[in-house]
Amino acid sequence: PESEMPHPTEVLMDQMGSALSDRLLKNKGAFRADLPDGGFIVLTGG
């Protein structure tokens, strides 16, 4: 439901931690944007 997960990209980026904010995550507006039709975003390891 949209009410439960309005912005999934923000949820996953927040999981990377505040230590990476200035190192990697800051000013990545297009990457944070809502997913288009057919778009995906995943969190992986390795």
All heavy atoms as atom14 arrays in JSON, in Angstrom:
{
  "sequence": "PESEMPHPTEVLMDQMGSALSDRLLKNKGAFRADLPDGGFIVLTGG",
  "atom14_mask": [
    [1, 1, 1, 1, 1, 1, 1, 0, 0, 0, 0, 0, 0, 0],
    [1, 1, 1, 1, 1, 1, 1, 1, 1, 0, 0, 0, 0, 0],
    [1, 1, 1, 1, 1, 1, 0, 0, 0, 0, 0, 0, 0, 0],
    [1, 1, 1, 1, 1, 1, 1, 1, 1, 0, 0, 0, 0, 0],
    [1, 1, 1, 1, 1, 1, 1, 1, 0, 0, 0, 0, 0, 0],
    [1, 1, 1, 1, 1, 1, 1, 0, 0, 0, 0, 0, 0, 0],
    [1, 1, 1, 1, 1, 1, 1, 1, 1, 1, 0, 0, 0, 0],
    [1, 1, 1, 1, 1, 1, 1, 0, 0, 0, 0, 0, 0, 0],
    [1, 1, 1, 1, 1, 1, 1, 0, 0, 0, 0, 0, 0, 0],
    [1, 1, 1, 1, 1, 1, 1, 1, 1, 0, 0, 0, 0, 0],
    [1, 1, 1, 1, 1, 1, 1, 0, 0, 0, 0, 0, 0, 0],
    [1, 1, 1, 1, 1, 1, 1, 1, 0, 0, 0, 0, 0, 0],
    [1, 1, 1, 1, 1, 1, 1, 1, 0, 0, 0, 0, 0, 0],
    [1, 1, 1, 1, 1, 1, 1, 1, 0, 0, 0, 0, 0, 0],
    [1, 1, 1, 1, 1, 1, 1, 1, 1, 0, 0, 0, 0, 0],
    [1, 1, 1, 1, 1, 1, 1, 1, 0, 0, 0, 0, 0, 0],
    [1, 1, 1, 1, 0, 0, 0, 0, 0, 0, 0, 0, 0, 0],
    [1, 1, 1, 1, 1, 1, 0, 0, 0, 0, 0, 0, 0, 0],
    [1, 1, 1, 1, 1, 0, 0, 0, 0, 0, 0, 0, 0, 0],
    [1, 1, 1, 1, 1, 1, 1, 1, 0, 0, 0, 0, 0, 0],
    [1, 1, 1, 1, 1, 1, 0, 0, 0, 0, 0, 0, 0, 0],
    [1, 1, 1, 1, 1, 1, 1, 1, 0, 0, 0, 0, 0, 0],
    [1, 1, 1, 1, 1, 1, 1, 1, 1, 1, 1, 0, 0, 0],
    [1, 1, 1, 1, 1, 1, 1, 1, 0, 0, 0, 0, 0, 0],
    [1, 1, 1, 1, 1, 1, 1, 1, 0, 0, 0, 0, 0, 0],
    [1, 1, 1, 1, 1, 1, 1, 1, 1, 0, 0, 0, 0, 0],
    [1, 1, 1, 1, 1, 1, 1, 1, 0, 0, 0, 0, 0, 0],
    [1, 1, 1, 1, 1, 1, 1, 1, 1, 0, 0, 0, 0, 0],
    [1, 1, 1, 1, 0, 0, 0, 0, 0, 0, 0, 0, 0, 0],
    [1, 1, 1, 1, 1, 0, 0, 0, 0, 0, 0, 0, 0, 0],
    [1, 1, 1, 1, 1, 1, 1, 1, 1, 1, 1, 0, 0, 0],
    [1, 1, 1, 1, 1, 1, 1, 1, 1, 1, 1, 0, 0, 0],
    [1, 1, 1, 1, 1, 0, 0, 0, 0, 0, 0, 0, 0, 0],
    [1, 1, 1, 1, 1, 1, 1, 1, 0, 0, 0, 0, 0, 0],
    [1, 1, 1, 1, 1, 1, 1, 1, 0, 0, 0, 0, 0, 0],
    [1, 1, 1, 1, 1, 1, 1, 0, 0, 0, 0, 0, 0, 0],
    [1, 1, 1, 1, 1, 1, 1, 1, 0, 0, 0, 0, 0, 0],
    [1, 1, 1, 1, 0, 0, 0, 0, 0, 0, 0, 0, 0, 0],
    [1, 1, 1, 1, 0, 0, 0, 0, 0, 0, 0, 0, 0, 0],
    [1, 1, 1, 1, 1, 1, 1, 1, 1, 1, 1, 0, 0, 0],
    [1, 1, 1, 1, 1, 1, 1, 1, 0, 0, 0, 0, 0, 0],
    [1, 1, 1, 1, 1, 1, 1, 0, 0, 0, 0, 0, 0, 0],
    [1, 1, 1, 1, 1, 1, 1, 1, 0, 0, 0, 0, 0, 0],
    [1, 1, 1, 1, 1, 1, 1, 0, 0, 0, 0, 0, 0, 0],
    [1, 1, 1, 1, 0, 0, 0, 0, 0, 0, 0, 0, 0, 0],
    [1, 1, 1, 1, 0, 0, 0, 0, 0, 0, 0, 0, 0, 0]
  ],
  "atom14_positions": [
    [[0.83, -1.21, 0.0], [0.0, 0.0, 0.0], [0.86, 1.26, 0.0], [1.91, 1.31, 0.66], [-0.79, -0.13, 1.3], [-0.77, -1.59, 1.63], [0.53, -2.1, 1.14], [0.0, 0.0, 0.0], [0.0, 0.0, 0.0], [0.0, 0.0, 0.0], [0.0, 0.0, 0.0], [0.0, 0.0, 0.0], [0.0, 0.0, 0.0], [0.0, 0.0, 0.0]],
    [[0.41, 2.26, -0.75], [1.17, 3.51, -0.84], [1.32, 4.17, 0.53], [2.33, 4.81, 0.82], [0.49, 4.47, -1.81], [0.5, 4.01, -3.26], [1.89, 4.08, -3.87], [2.73, 4.83, -3.34], [2.14, 3.36, -4.86], [0.0, 0.0, 0.0], [0.0, 0.0, 0.0], [0.0, 0.0, 0.0], [0.0, 0.0, 0.0], [0.0, 0.0, 0.0]],
    [[0.32, 4.04, 1.39], [0.39, 4.65, 2.72], [1.47, 3.99, 3.58], [2.08, 4.63, 4.44], [-0.96, 4.53, 3.42], [-1.35, 3.16, 3.52], [0.0, 0.0, 0.0], [0.0, 0.0, 0.0], [0.0, 0.0, 0.0], [0.0, 0.0, 0.0], [0.0, 0.0, 0.0], [0.0, 0.0, 0.0], [0.0, 0.0, 0.0], [0.0, 0.0, 0.0]],
    [[1.76, 2.72, 3.32], [2.76, 2.01, 4.1], [4.17, 2.27, 3.58], [5.13, 2.31, 4.36], [2.47, 0.51, 4.05], [3.48, -0.34, 4.81], [3.17, -1.82, 4.68], [1.99, -2.16, 4.44], [4.1, -2.63, 4.82], [0.0, 0.0, 0.0], [0.0, 0.0, 0.0], [0.0, 0.0, 0.0], [0.0, 0.0, 0.0], [0.0, 0.0, 0.0]],
    [[4.33, 2.45, 2.29], [5.65, 2.62, 1.69], [5.58, 3.67, 0.59], [5.57, 3.37, -0.59], [6.15, 1.29, 1.12], [7.59, 1.32, 0.65], [8.78, 1.57, 1.95], [8.46, 0.12, 2.96], [0.0, 0.0, 0.0], [0.0, 0.0, 0.0], [0.0, 0.0, 0.0], [0.0, 0.0, 0.0], [0.0, 0.0, 0.0], [0.0, 0.0, 0.0]],
    [[5.52, 4.99, 0.97], [5.38, 6.01, -0.06], [6.64, 6.22, -0.89], [6.57, 6.53, -2.08], [5.04, 7.27, 0.75], [5.59, 7.0, 2.12], [5.49, 5.53, 2.32], [0.0, 0.0, 0.0], [0.0, 0.0, 0.0], [0.0, 0.0, 0.0], [0.0, 0.0, 0.0], [0.0, 0.0, 0.0], [0.0, 0.0, 0.0], [0.0, 0.0, 0.0]],
    [[7.83, 6.06, -0.27], [9.09, 6.32, -0.98], [10.09, 5.2, -0.67], [10.95, 5.35, 0.22], [9.67, 7.67, -0.57], [8.74, 8.82, -0.81], [8.43, 9.26, -2.08], [8.05, 9.6, 0.06], [7.59, 10.28, -1.99], [7.34, 10.51, -0.7], [0.0, 0.0, 0.0], [0.0, 0.0, 0.0], [0.0, 0.0, 0.0], [0.0, 0.0, 0.0]],
    [[10.03, 4.08, -1.39], [10.93, 2.96, -1.09], [12.41, 3.29, -1.3], [13.27, 2.75, -0.61], [10.46, 1.86, -2.04], [9.71, 2.56, -3.12], [9.08, 3.75, -2.48], [0.0, 0.0, 0.0], [0.0, 0.0, 0.0], [0.0, 0.0, 0.0], [0.0, 0.0, 0.0], [0.0, 0.0, 0.0], [0.0, 0.0, 0.0], [0.0, 0.0, 0.0]],
    [[12.73, 4.18, -2.25], [14.13, 4.52, -2.46], [14.72, 5.21, -1.23], [15.87, 4.94, -0.85], [14.28, 5.44, -3.69], [13.43, 6.58, -3.53], [13.89, 4.71, -4.96], [0.0, 0.0, 0.0], [0.0, 0.0, 0.0], [0.0, 0.0, 0.0], [0.0, 0.0, 0.0], [0.0, 0.0, 0.0], [0.0, 0.0, 0.0], [0.0, 0.0, 0.0]],
    [[13.94, 6.08, -0.61], [14.43, 6.76, 0.6], [14.64, 5.76, 1.73], [15.61, 5.86, 2.5], [13.43, 7.84, 1.03], [13.3, 9.0, 0.07], [14.49, 9.96, 0.18], [15.31, 9.78, 1.1], [14.58, 10.87, -0.65], [0.0, 0.0, 0.0], [0.0, 0.0, 0.0], [0.0, 0.0, 0.0], [0.0, 0.0, 0.0], [0.0, 0.0, 0.0]],
    [[13.76, 4.77, 1.83], [13.87, 3.77, 2.89], [15.18, 3.0, 2.77], [15.91, 2.8, 3.76], [12.66, 2.8, 2.85], [12.87, 1.65, 3.82], [11.39, 3.55, 3.18], [0.0, 0.0, 0.0], [0.0, 0.0, 0.0], [0.0, 0.0, 0.0], [0.0, 0.0, 0.0], [0.0, 0.0, 0.0], [0.0, 0.0, 0.0], [0.0, 0.0, 0.0]],
    [[15.52, 2.57, 1.55], [16.74, 1.79, 1.37], [17.99, 2.64, 1.53], [19.0, 2.19, 2.09], [16.73, 1.12, 0.0], [15.68, 0.02, -0.21], [15.88, -0.64, -1.56], [15.75, -1.02, 0.89], [0.0, 0.0, 0.0], [0.0, 0.0, 0.0], [0.0, 0.0, 0.0], [0.0, 0.0, 0.0], [0.0, 0.0, 0.0], [0.0, 0.0, 0.0]],
    [[17.97, 3.88, 1.07], [19.15, 4.72, 1.21], [19.41, 5.07, 2.67], [20.57, 5.18, 3.1], [19.01, 5.99, 0.37], [19.04, 5.73, -1.13], [19.25, 7.2, -2.15], [21.01, 7.53, -1.97], [0.0, 0.0, 0.0], [0.0, 0.0, 0.0], [0.0, 0.0, 0.0], [0.0, 0.0, 0.0], [0.0, 0.0, 0.0], [0.0, 0.0, 0.0]],
    [[18.35, 5.21, 3.45], [18.52, 5.5, 4.87], [19.17, 4.31, 5.59], [19.83, 4.5, 6.63], [17.18, 5.84, 5.51], [16.66, 7.2, 5.05], [17.46, 7.98, 4.51], [15.45, 7.47, 5.23], [0.0, 0.0, 0.0], [0.0, 0.0, 0.0], [0.0, 0.0, 0.0], [0.0, 0.0, 0.0], [0.0, 0.0, 0.0], [0.0, 0.0, 0.0]],
    [[18.98, 3.11, 5.07], [19.57, 1.93, 5.71], [21.09, 1.87, 5.56], [21.75, 1.09, 6.26], [18.94, 0.66, 5.13], [17.49, 0.45, 5.5], [16.98, -0.9, 5.04], [17.73, -1.84, 4.82], [15.67, -1.01, 4.89], [0.0, 0.0, 0.0], [0.0, 0.0, 0.0], [0.0, 0.0, 0.0], [0.0, 0.0, 0.0], [0.0, 0.0, 0.0]],
    [[21.67, 2.67, 4.67], [23.12, 2.64, 4.49], [23.85, 3.37, 5.62], [25.07, 3.23, 5.75], [23.49, 3.23, 3.14], [22.91, 2.46, 1.97], [23.62, 2.93, 0.38], [25.23, 2.15, 0.44], [0.0, 0.0, 0.0], [0.0, 0.0, 0.0], [0.0, 0.0, 0.0], [0.0, 0.0, 0.0], [0.0, 0.0, 0.0], [0.0, 0.0, 0.0]],
    [[23.13, 4.15, 6.42], [23.74, 4.74, 7.59], [24.17, 6.18, 7.39], [24.5, 6.6, 6.28], [0.0, 0.0, 0.0], [0.0, 0.0, 0.0], [0.0, 0.0, 0.0], [0.0, 0.0, 0.0], [0.0, 0.0, 0.0], [0.0, 0.0, 0.0], [0.0, 0.0, 0.0], [0.0, 0.0, 0.0], [0.0, 0.0, 0.0], [0.0, 0.0, 0.0]],
    [[24.19, 6.93, 8.5], [24.55, 8.35, 8.45], [26.03, 8.57, 8.16], [26.42, 9.64, 7.68], [24.18, 9.01, 9.78], [24.86, 8.38, 10.86], [0.0, 0.0, 0.0], [0.0, 0.0, 0.0], [0.0, 0.0, 0.0], [0.0, 0.0, 0.0], [0.0, 0.0, 0.0], [0.0, 0.0, 0.0], [0.0, 0.0, 0.0], [0.0, 0.0, 0.0]],
    [[26.89, 7.59, 8.44], [28.33, 7.76, 8.19], [28.63, 7.94, 6.72], [29.67, 8.49, 6.35], [29.09, 6.56, 8.74], [0.0, 0.0, 0.0], [0.0, 0.0, 0.0], [0.0, 0.0, 0.0], [0.0, 0.0, 0.0], [0.0, 0.0, 0.0], [0.0, 0.0, 0.0], [0.0, 0.0, 0.0], [0.0, 0.0, 0.0], [0.0, 0.0, 0.0]],
    [[27.72, 7.48, 5.84], [27.93, 7.59, 4.4], [27.25, 8.81, 3.79], [27.3, 8.99, 2.57], [27.42, 6.34, 3.69], [28.18, 5.05, 4.01], [27.44, 3.86, 3.43], [29.59, 5.11, 3.47], [0.0, 0.0, 0.0], [0.0, 0.0, 0.0], [0.0, 0.0, 0.0], [0.0, 0.0, 0.0], [0.0, 0.0, 0.0], [0.0, 0.0, 0.0]],
    [[26.66, 9.65, 4.61], [25.9, 10.78, 4.07], [26.78, 11.69, 3.22], [26.51, 11.92, 2.04], [25.28, 11.58, 5.22], [24.62, 12.73, 4.73], [0.0, 0.0, 0.0], [0.0, 0.0, 0.0], [0.0, 0.0, 0.0], [0.0, 0.0, 0.0], [0.0, 0.0, 0.0], [0.0, 0.0, 0.0], [0.0, 0.0, 0.0], [0.0, 0.0, 0.0]],
    [[27.86, 12.22, 3.79], [28.74, 13.09, 3.03], [29.67, 12.3, 2.12], [30.11, 12.78, 1.09], [29.57, 13.97, 3.96], [28.74, 15.09, 4.57], [27.67, 15.39, 4.01], [29.16, 15.66, 5.59], [0.0, 0.0, 0.0], [0.0, 0.0, 0.0], [0.0, 0.0, 0.0], [0.0, 0.0, 0.0], [0.0, 0.0, 0.0], [0.0, 0.0, 0.0]],
    [[30.0, 11.08, 2.5], [30.92, 10.29, 1.7], [30.31, 9.86, 0.38], [30.99, 9.8, -0.64], [31.35, 9.04, 2.48], [32.34, 9.3, 3.63], [32.58, 7.99, 4.34], [33.72, 8.01, 5.24], [33.61, 8.06, 6.56], [32.41, 8.12, 7.14], [34.71, 8.06, 7.33], [0.0, 0.0, 0.0], [0.0, 0.0, 0.0], [0.0, 0.0, 0.0]],
    [[29.01, 9.52, 0.37], [28.44, 8.87, -0.81], [27.02, 9.3, -1.16], [26.67, 9.4, -2.33], [28.47, 7.35, -0.61], [27.94, 6.46, -1.73], [28.78, 6.64, -2.99], [27.94, 5.0, -1.3], [0.0, 0.0, 0.0], [0.0, 0.0, 0.0], [0.0, 0.0, 0.0], [0.0, 0.0, 0.0], [0.0, 0.0, 0.0], [0.0, 0.0, 0.0]],
    [[26.18, 9.55, -0.15], [24.74, 9.66, -0.39], [24.25, 11.07, -0.68], [23.15, 11.24, -1.21], [23.98, 9.12, 0.83], [24.31, 7.68, 1.25], [23.48, 7.29, 2.46], [24.07, 6.72, 0.1], [0.0, 0.0, 0.0], [0.0, 0.0, 0.0], [0.0, 0.0, 0.0], [0.0, 0.0, 0.0], [0.0, 0.0, 0.0], [0.0, 0.0, 0.0]],
    [[25.02, 12.08, -0.35], [24.53, 13.45, -0.47], [24.38, 13.87, -1.93], [25.19, 13.51, -2.78], [25.48, 14.41, 0.25], [24.92, 15.79, 0.45], [25.82, 16.62, 1.34], [25.22, 18.0, 1.61], [26.1, 18.79, 2.48], [0.0, 0.0, 0.0], [0.0, 0.0, 0.0], [0.0, 0.0, 0.0], [0.0, 0.0, 0.0], [0.0, 0.0, 0.0]],
    [[23.33, 14.64, -2.19], [23.07, 15.19, -3.53], [22.94, 14.12, -4.61], [23.53, 14.2, -5.67], [24.17, 16.19, -3.93], [24.18, 17.41, -3.04], [23.16, 17.78, -2.46], [25.33, 18.03, -2.91], [0.0, 0.0, 0.0], [0.0, 0.0, 0.0], [0.0, 0.0, 0.0], [0.0, 0.0, 0.0], [0.0, 0.0, 0.0], [0.0, 0.0, 0.0]],
    [[22.16, 13.11, -4.31], [21.86, 12.05, -5.3], [20.36, 12.09, -5.58], [19.65, 11.11, -5.38], [22.28, 10.68, -4.77], [23.75, 10.56, -4.4], [24.65, 10.75, -5.6], [26.11, 10.44, -5.3], [26.71, 11.32, -4.29], [0.0, 0.0, 0.0], [0.0, 0.0, 0.0], [0.0, 0.0, 0.0], [0.0, 0.0, 0.0], [0.0, 0.0, 0.0]],
    [[19.89, 13.25, -6.04], [18.45, 13.46, -6.21], [17.81, 12.5, -7.18], [16.74, 11.95, -6.92], [0.0, 0.0, 0.0], [0.0, 0.0, 0.0], [0.0, 0.0, 0.0], [0.0, 0.0, 0.0], [0.0, 0.0, 0.0], [0.0, 0.0, 0.0], [0.0, 0.0, 0.0], [0.0, 0.0, 0.0], [0.0, 0.0, 0.0], [0.0, 0.0, 0.0]],
    [[18.46, 12.26, -8.33], [17.86, 11.36, -9.33], [17.81, 9.93, -8.82], [16.87, 9.19, -9.11], [18.66, 11.43, -10.63], [0.0, 0.0, 0.0], [0.0, 0.0, 0.0], [0.0, 0.0, 0.0], [0.0, 0.0, 0.0], [0.0, 0.0, 0.0], [0.0, 0.0, 0.0], [0.0, 0.0, 0.0], [0.0, 0.0, 0.0], [0.0, 0.0, 0.0]],
    [[18.82, 9.52, -8.06], [18.83, 8.16, -7.53], [17.75, 7.99, -6.45], [17.21, 6.9, -6.28], [20.21, 7.84, -6.95], [20.5, 6.37, -6.82], [21.01, 5.66, -7.89], [20.25, 5.7, -5.64], [21.28, 4.31, -7.79], [20.52, 4.34, -5.52], [21.03, 3.65, -6.6], [0.0, 0.0, 0.0], [0.0, 0.0, 0.0], [0.0, 0.0, 0.0]],
    [[17.45, 9.06, -5.74], [16.43, 9.01, -4.69], [15.01, 9.15, -5.24], [14.04, 8.92, -4.52], [16.66, 10.13, -3.68], [17.89, 9.94, -2.8], [18.03, 11.11, -1.84], [19.14, 10.95, -0.93], [19.09, 10.34, 0.25], [17.93, 9.86, 0.68], [20.16, 10.23, 1.01], [0.0, 0.0, 0.0], [0.0, 0.0, 0.0], [0.0, 0.0, 0.0]],
    [[14.88, 9.54, -6.49], [13.55, 9.82, -7.05], [12.68, 8.56, -7.02], [13.16, 7.43, -6.97], [13.69, 10.35, -8.47], [0.0, 0.0, 0.0], [0.0, 0.0, 0.0], [0.0, 0.0, 0.0], [0.0, 0.0, 0.0], [0.0, 0.0, 0.0], [0.0, 0.0, 0.0], [0.0, 0.0, 0.0], [0.0, 0.0, 0.0], [0.0, 0.0, 0.0]],
    [[11.38, 8.79, -7.09], [10.43, 7.66, -7.1], [10.66, 6.79, -8.32], [11.08, 7.26, -9.39], [9.0, 8.19, -7.11], [8.63, 8.87, -5.79], [9.29, 8.58, -4.77], [7.7, 9.7, -5.79], [0.0, 0.0, 0.0], [0.0, 0.0, 0.0], [0.0, 0.0, 0.0], [0.0, 0.0, 0.0], [0.0, 0.0, 0.0], [0.0, 0.0, 0.0]],
    [[10.37, 5.51, -8.16], [10.58, 4.55, -9.25], [9.57, 4.77, -10.37], [8.37, 4.94, -10.11], [10.45, 3.13, -8.72], [11.49, 2.67, -7.69], [11.11, 1.29, -7.17], [12.88, 2.65, -8.3], [0.0, 0.0, 0.0], [0.0, 0.0, 0.0], [0.0, 0.0, 0.0], [0.0, 0.0, 0.0], [0.0, 0.0, 0.0], [0.0, 0.0, 0.0]],
    [[10.03, 4.74, -11.62], [9.09, 4.78, -12.74], [8.49, 3.4, -12.96], [8.87, 2.42, -12.3], [9.97, 5.2, -13.92], [11.3, 4.61, -13.58], [11.44, 4.68, -12.08], [0.0, 0.0, 0.0], [0.0, 0.0, 0.0], [0.0, 0.0, 0.0], [0.0, 0.0, 0.0], [0.0, 0.0, 0.0], [0.0, 0.0, 0.0], [0.0, 0.0, 0.0]],
    [[7.56, 3.31, -13.9], [6.98, 2.0, -14.22], [8.08, 1.1, -14.78], [8.8, 1.46, -15.72], [5.86, 2.16, -15.25], [5.1, 0.86, -15.45], [4.83, 0.18, -14.44], [4.82, 0.51, -16.61], [0.0, 0.0, 0.0], [0.0, 0.0, 0.0], [0.0, 0.0, 0.0], [0.0, 0.0, 0.0], [0.0, 0.0, 0.0], [0.0, 0.0, 0.0]],
    [[8.21, -0.09, -14.2], [9.26, -1.01, -14.6], [10.58, -0.79, -13.87], [11.53, -1.55, -14.09], [0.0, 0.0, 0.0], [0.0, 0.0, 0.0], [0.0, 0.0, 0.0], [0.0, 0.0, 0.0], [0.0, 0.0, 0.0], [0.0, 0.0, 0.0], [0.0, 0.0, 0.0], [0.0, 0.0, 0.0], [0.0, 0.0, 0.0], [0.0, 0.0, 0.0]],
    [[10.65, 0.21, -13.01], [11.89, 0.49, -12.29], [12.01, -0.36, -11.03], [11.02, -0.81, -10.46], [0.0, 0.0, 0.0], [0.0, 0.0, 0.0], [0.0, 0.0, 0.0], [0.0, 0.0, 0.0], [0.0, 0.0, 0.0], [0.0, 0.0, 0.0], [0.0, 0.0, 0.0], [0.0, 0.0, 0.0], [0.0, 0.0, 0.0], [0.0, 0.0, 0.0]],
    [[13.24, -0.59, -10.61], [13.48, -1.34, -9.38], [14.65, -0.74, -8.63], [15.51, -0.05, -9.21], [13.76, -2.82, -9.68], [15.12, -3.09, -10.27], [16.23, -3.33, -9.44], [15.3, -3.11, -11.65], [17.48, -3.56, -9.98], [16.56, -3.35, -12.2], [17.65, -3.58, -11.36], [0.0, 0.0, 0.0], [0.0, 0.0, 0.0], [0.0, 0.0, 0.0]],
    [[14.71, -1.01, -7.35], [15.86, -0.68, -6.53], [16.02, -1.79, -5.5], [15.04, -2.23, -4.9], [15.71, 0.7, -5.85], [17.0, 1.05, -5.07], [14.49, 0.76, -4.94], [17.05, 2.49, -4.6], [0.0, 0.0, 0.0], [0.0, 0.0, 0.0], [0.0, 0.0, 0.0], [0.0, 0.0, 0.0], [0.0, 0.0, 0.0], [0.0, 0.0, 0.0]],
    [[17.25, -2.29, -5.36], [17.5, -3.41, -4.46], [18.72, -3.12, -3.6], [19.63, -2.38, -3.99], [17.71, -4.73, -5.24], [16.46, -5.12, -5.99], [18.9, -4.63, -6.17], [0.0, 0.0, 0.0], [0.0, 0.0, 0.0], [0.0, 0.0, 0.0], [0.0, 0.0, 0.0], [0.0, 0.0, 0.0], [0.0, 0.0, 0.0], [0.0, 0.0, 0.0]],
    [[18.72, -3.74, -2.43], [19.85, -3.68, -1.5], [20.55, -5.03, -1.55], [19.94, -6.07, -1.32], [19.36, -3.38, -0.09], [20.42, -3.28, 1.01], [21.24, -2.01, 0.84], [19.75, -3.28, 2.39], [0.0, 0.0, 0.0], [0.0, 0.0, 0.0], [0.0, 0.0, 0.0], [0.0, 0.0, 0.0], [0.0, 0.0, 0.0], [0.0, 0.0, 0.0]],
    [[21.85, -5.02, -1.88], [22.61, -6.26, -1.99], [23.84, -6.21, -1.09], [24.22, -5.15, -0.58], [23.08, -6.5, -3.45], [24.08, -5.55, -3.79], [21.9, -6.4, -4.41], [0.0, 0.0, 0.0], [0.0, 0.0, 0.0], [0.0, 0.0, 0.0], [0.0, 0.0, 0.0], [0.0, 0.0, 0.0], [0.0, 0.0, 0.0], [0.0, 0.0, 0.0]],
    [[24.45, -7.36, -0.91], [25.69, -7.46, -0.16], [26.85, -7.75, -1.09], [26.8, -7.46, -2.29], [0.0, 0.0, 0.0], [0.0, 0.0, 0.0], [0.0, 0.0, 0.0], [0.0, 0.0, 0.0], [0.0, 0.0, 0.0], [0.0, 0.0, 0.0], [0.0, 0.0, 0.0], [0.0, 0.0, 0.0], [0.0, 0.0, 0.0], [0.0, 0.0, 0.0]],
    [[27.9, -8.34, -0.56], [29.05, -8.7, -1.38], [29.97, -7.53, -1.65], [29.98, -6.53, -0.94], [0.0, 0.0, 0.0], [0.0, 0.0, 0.0], [0.0, 0.0, 0.0], [0.0, 0.0, 0.0], [0.0, 0.0, 0.0], [0.0, 0.0, 0.0], [0.0, 0.0, 0.0], [0.0, 0.0, 0.0], [0.0, 0.0, 0.0], [0.0, 0.0, 0.0]]
  ]
}
